[in-house]
Amino acid sequence: MDFTKNNSELDTTSQRVTEMMENNADFPNAPAALAELKKLLPEYRTAKANAQGRDKRMVSIKNDKKAIMVALLLELAEYVTATCNGNRTMILSSGFDVINERTGSPVPSIEKLEVKSDEPGVAILRAKMVTAVKAYIHQYTTELPGLNTVWVQEGSSDGNHTFTGLASEKRHWFRIVAIGNNKQKAFSPIVSKVIQ
């Protein structure tokens, strides 16, 4: 089932996955995305309720939180897929559904990322050569990226994004996660920049 298109399916899947993966012996090394998803779920529900009046700002807040939740779920799905190695029962114990790969859907791609910092504490990200993307997660970190890096992230439907309030005269690393129509996920190159 494609939880990227349906708000209630996203909510249901997130609830099920956080409940079933937490303290599950099959997934002893679950990524930080699990704790982040559990924390974000009530925020998303509040944003979804606030957006029912169709206020543009509230709808935008809901969409931003939705984009982050989709990215977290995709990260968890990749971890589950790699850990289970095709074991259907194990996959189901994670709370995810087992689905057959669909073909014909283009894979998202970001060939180039530009980062500019012309003002103190501000970084402007511009994605170049973008194809087959439904949503974006803009991320940065202040440490050299590695396996356990915690990224600060903001969701968006736009490939360009401005981060404000960054530490001046400090090196930051930036990337964009592209979400495709069929739940595929692709990363832009990582670009480092010393902020003005």
Protein backbone atom coordinates (compact mmCIF):
# COMPACT_ATOMS: atom_id res chain seq x y z
CA MET A 1 0.00 0.00 0.00
CA ASP A 2 1.32 3.45 -0.84
CA PHE A 3 1.29 5.47 2.38
CA THR A 4 2.71 8.51 0.54
CA LYS A 5 -0.65 9.37 -1.05
CA ASN A 6 -3.17 8.84 1.75
CA ASN A 7 -3.05 10.81 5.02
CA SER A 8 -4.96 8.20 7.03
CA GLU A 9 -2.83 5.36 5.64
CA LEU A 10 0.32 7.28 6.59
CA ASP A 11 -1.03 7.75 10.12
CA THR A 12 -2.06 4.08 10.45
CA THR A 13 1.20 2.71 9.05
CA SER A 14 3.30 4.99 11.27
CA GLN A 15 1.36 3.95 14.38
CA ARG A 16 1.62 0.24 13.53
CA VAL A 17 5.33 0.37 12.67
CA THR A 18 6.33 2.30 15.80
CA GLU A 19 4.34 -0.07 18.04
CA MET A 20 5.55 -3.29 16.39
CA MET A 21 9.22 -2.38 15.89
CA GLU A 22 9.81 -0.94 19.35
CA ASN A 23 11.49 -3.60 21.55
CA ASN A 24 11.17 -6.13 18.72
CA ALA A 25 13.99 -8.69 19.01
CA ASP A 26 14.07 -9.06 15.20
CA PHE A 27 15.22 -5.44 14.90
CA PRO A 28 17.75 -4.81 17.69
CA ASN A 29 19.60 -2.04 15.83
CA ALA A 30 16.69 -0.01 14.50
CA PRO A 31 17.84 3.37 13.18
CA ALA A 32 17.11 6.67 14.95
CA ALA A 33 14.28 7.14 12.44
CA LEU A 34 12.08 4.89 14.64
CA ALA A 35 12.31 7.22 17.67
CA GLU A 36 11.95 10.27 15.41
CA LEU A 37 8.80 8.80 13.82
CA LYS A 38 7.26 8.06 17.23
CA LYS A 39 7.93 11.65 18.32
CA LEU A 40 6.62 13.16 15.07
CA LEU A 41 3.37 11.15 14.89
CA PRO A 42 1.37 13.22 17.46
CA GLU A 43 2.73 16.43 15.88
CA TYR A 44 1.51 15.25 12.48
CA ARG A 45 -1.93 14.37 13.88
CA THR A 46 -2.25 17.85 15.40
CA ALA A 47 -1.11 19.46 12.13
CA LYS A 48 -3.60 17.31 10.18
CA ALA A 49 -6.45 18.42 12.47
CA ASN A 50 -5.37 22.07 12.22
CA ALA A 51 -5.30 21.82 8.41
CA GLN A 52 -8.95 20.71 8.15
CA GLY A 53 -10.07 24.33 7.95
CA ARG A 54 -7.98 24.64 4.74
CA ASP A 55 -5.90 27.53 6.11
CA LYS A 56 -2.96 27.67 3.68
CA ARG A 57 -0.31 27.98 6.40
CA MET A 58 -1.77 25.07 8.38
CA VAL A 59 -1.97 22.90 5.24
CA SER A 60 1.67 23.74 4.48
CA ILE A 61 2.73 22.77 8.03
CA LYS A 62 0.86 19.47 7.68
CA ASN A 63 2.48 18.79 4.28
CA ASP A 64 5.96 19.52 5.66
CA LYS A 65 5.45 17.09 8.55
CA LYS A 66 3.99 14.53 6.15
CA ALA A 67 7.09 14.72 3.93
CA ILE A 68 9.37 14.08 6.93
CA MET A 69 7.20 11.16 8.09
CA VAL A 70 7.33 9.59 4.61
CA ALA A 71 11.14 9.92 4.60
CA LEU A 72 11.39 8.33 8.06
CA LEU A 73 9.10 5.46 7.03
CA LEU A 74 11.14 4.89 3.88
CA GLU A 75 14.36 4.78 5.92
CA LEU A 76 12.78 2.23 8.27
CA ALA A 77 11.44 0.21 5.32
CA GLU A 78 14.94 0.04 3.83
CA TYR A 79 16.35 -1.13 7.18
CA VAL A 80 13.60 -3.76 7.55
CA THR A 81 14.11 -4.99 3.97
CA ALA A 82 17.87 -5.35 4.49
CA THR A 83 17.49 -6.99 7.92
CA CYS A 84 14.77 -9.47 6.93
CA ASN A 85 16.48 -10.64 3.72
CA GLY A 86 13.16 -11.71 2.18
CA ASN A 87 11.69 -13.35 5.33
CA ARG A 88 7.99 -12.50 4.96
CA THR A 89 7.08 -13.25 8.60
CA MET A 90 9.87 -11.01 9.88
CA ILE A 91 8.80 -8.20 7.56
CA LEU A 92 5.20 -8.47 8.80
CA SER A 93 6.44 -8.40 12.43
CA SER A 94 7.81 -4.91 11.71
CA GLY A 95 4.36 -3.51 10.99
CA PHE A 96 5.06 -3.00 7.28
CA ASP A 97 3.00 -4.72 4.60
CA VAL A 98 4.69 -7.07 2.14
CA ILE A 99 4.18 -5.79 -1.38
CA ASN A 100 5.49 -6.83 -4.73
CA GLU A 101 7.79 -4.37 -6.47
CA ARG A 102 5.93 -2.40 -9.09
CA THR A 103 7.72 -1.58 -12.28
CA GLY A 104 7.59 1.33 -14.65
CA SER A 105 7.71 4.10 -12.06
CA PRO A 106 10.67 6.42 -12.60
CA VAL A 107 13.28 6.61 -9.83
CA PRO A 108 13.88 10.07 -8.34
CA SER A 109 17.21 11.69 -9.02
CA ILE A 110 19.07 14.82 -7.92
CA GLU A 111 22.28 15.12 -9.92
CA LYS A 112 23.61 18.30 -8.35
CA LEU A 113 23.10 20.36 -5.20
CA GLU A 114 24.13 24.01 -4.93
CA VAL A 115 24.50 25.69 -1.53
CA LYS A 116 24.95 29.45 -1.14
CA SER A 117 25.57 31.40 2.05
CA ASP A 118 25.61 35.15 1.36
CA GLU A 119 24.05 36.27 4.65
CA PRO A 120 24.97 35.44 8.27
CA GLY A 121 23.28 32.25 9.49
CA VAL A 122 21.55 31.57 6.16
CA ALA A 123 22.04 28.75 3.64
CA ILE A 124 20.12 28.52 0.37
CA LEU A 125 19.85 25.05 -1.20
CA ARG A 126 19.09 24.64 -4.90
CA ALA A 127 18.54 21.22 -6.44
CA LYS A 128 19.68 20.89 -10.06
CA MET A 129 18.66 18.30 -12.66
CA VAL A 130 15.70 16.97 -10.65
CA THR A 131 13.54 14.18 -12.10
CA ALA A 132 10.58 12.08 -10.88
CA VAL A 133 10.33 13.73 -7.44
CA LYS A 134 7.12 14.03 -5.40
CA ALA A 135 8.54 15.59 -2.19
CA TYR A 136 11.84 16.74 -0.73
CA ILE A 137 13.51 16.52 2.67
CA HIS A 138 16.18 19.22 3.09
CA GLN A 139 18.82 18.25 5.64
CA TYR A 140 21.94 19.60 7.30
CA THR A 141 24.39 18.55 10.00
CA THR A 142 27.31 20.27 11.71
CA GLU A 143 29.43 17.12 11.96
CA LEU A 144 31.22 15.17 9.25
CA PRO A 145 28.49 12.80 7.95
CA GLY A 146 28.79 9.15 8.91
CA LEU A 147 26.59 6.12 9.59
CA ASN A 148 25.05 7.52 12.79
CA THR A 149 24.80 11.16 11.79
CA VAL A 150 21.69 12.93 13.06
CA TRP A 151 20.41 15.29 10.36
CA VAL A 152 18.28 18.36 11.02
CA GLN A 153 15.54 18.19 8.41
CA GLU A 154 12.64 20.12 6.94
CA GLY A 155 10.12 18.70 4.47
CA SER A 156 8.96 20.54 1.38
CA SER A 157 7.34 20.14 -2.01
CA ASP A 158 10.00 22.47 -3.47
CA GLY A 159 13.53 21.50 -4.50
CA ASN A 160 14.88 24.86 -3.31
CA HIS A 161 15.00 25.67 0.38
CA THR A 162 16.41 28.28 2.78
CA PHE A 163 17.74 27.37 6.23
CA THR A 164 18.02 30.27 8.70
CA GLY A 165 19.46 30.57 12.20
CA LEU A 166 22.56 28.53 11.39
CA ALA A 167 25.81 28.98 13.33
CA SER A 168 27.98 31.56 11.56
CA GLU A 169 31.58 30.79 10.64
CA LYS A 170 30.95 27.06 11.14
CA ARG A 171 31.09 24.30 8.52
CA HIS A 172 27.77 22.59 7.74
CA TRP A 173 27.02 19.62 5.50
CA PHE A 174 23.85 19.67 3.39
CA ARG A 175 21.89 17.17 1.33
CA ILE A 176 18.42 16.68 -0.09
CA VAL A 177 16.40 13.46 0.05
CA ALA A 178 14.10 13.07 -2.96
CA ILE A 179 10.91 11.03 -2.58
CA GLY A 180 9.53 9.44 -5.75
CA ASN A 181 5.96 8.53 -6.72
CA ASN A 182 6.38 4.87 -5.81
CA LYS A 183 8.06 5.37 -2.41
CA GLN A 184 11.56 5.34 -3.90
CA LYS A 185 14.11 7.49 -2.15
CA ALA A 186 17.26 9.08 -3.56
CA PHE A 187 19.91 11.32 -2.02
CA SER A 188 21.60 14.33 -3.55
CA PRO A 189 25.37 14.65 -3.29
CA ILE A 190 26.47 16.01 0.12
CA VAL A 191 27.80 19.58 -0.08
CA SER A 192 29.76 21.24 2.74
CA LYS A 193 29.82 24.98 3.30
CA VAL A 194 31.11 27.37 5.94
CA ILE A 195 28.19 29.61 6.85
CA GLN A 196 28.67 33.39 6.73
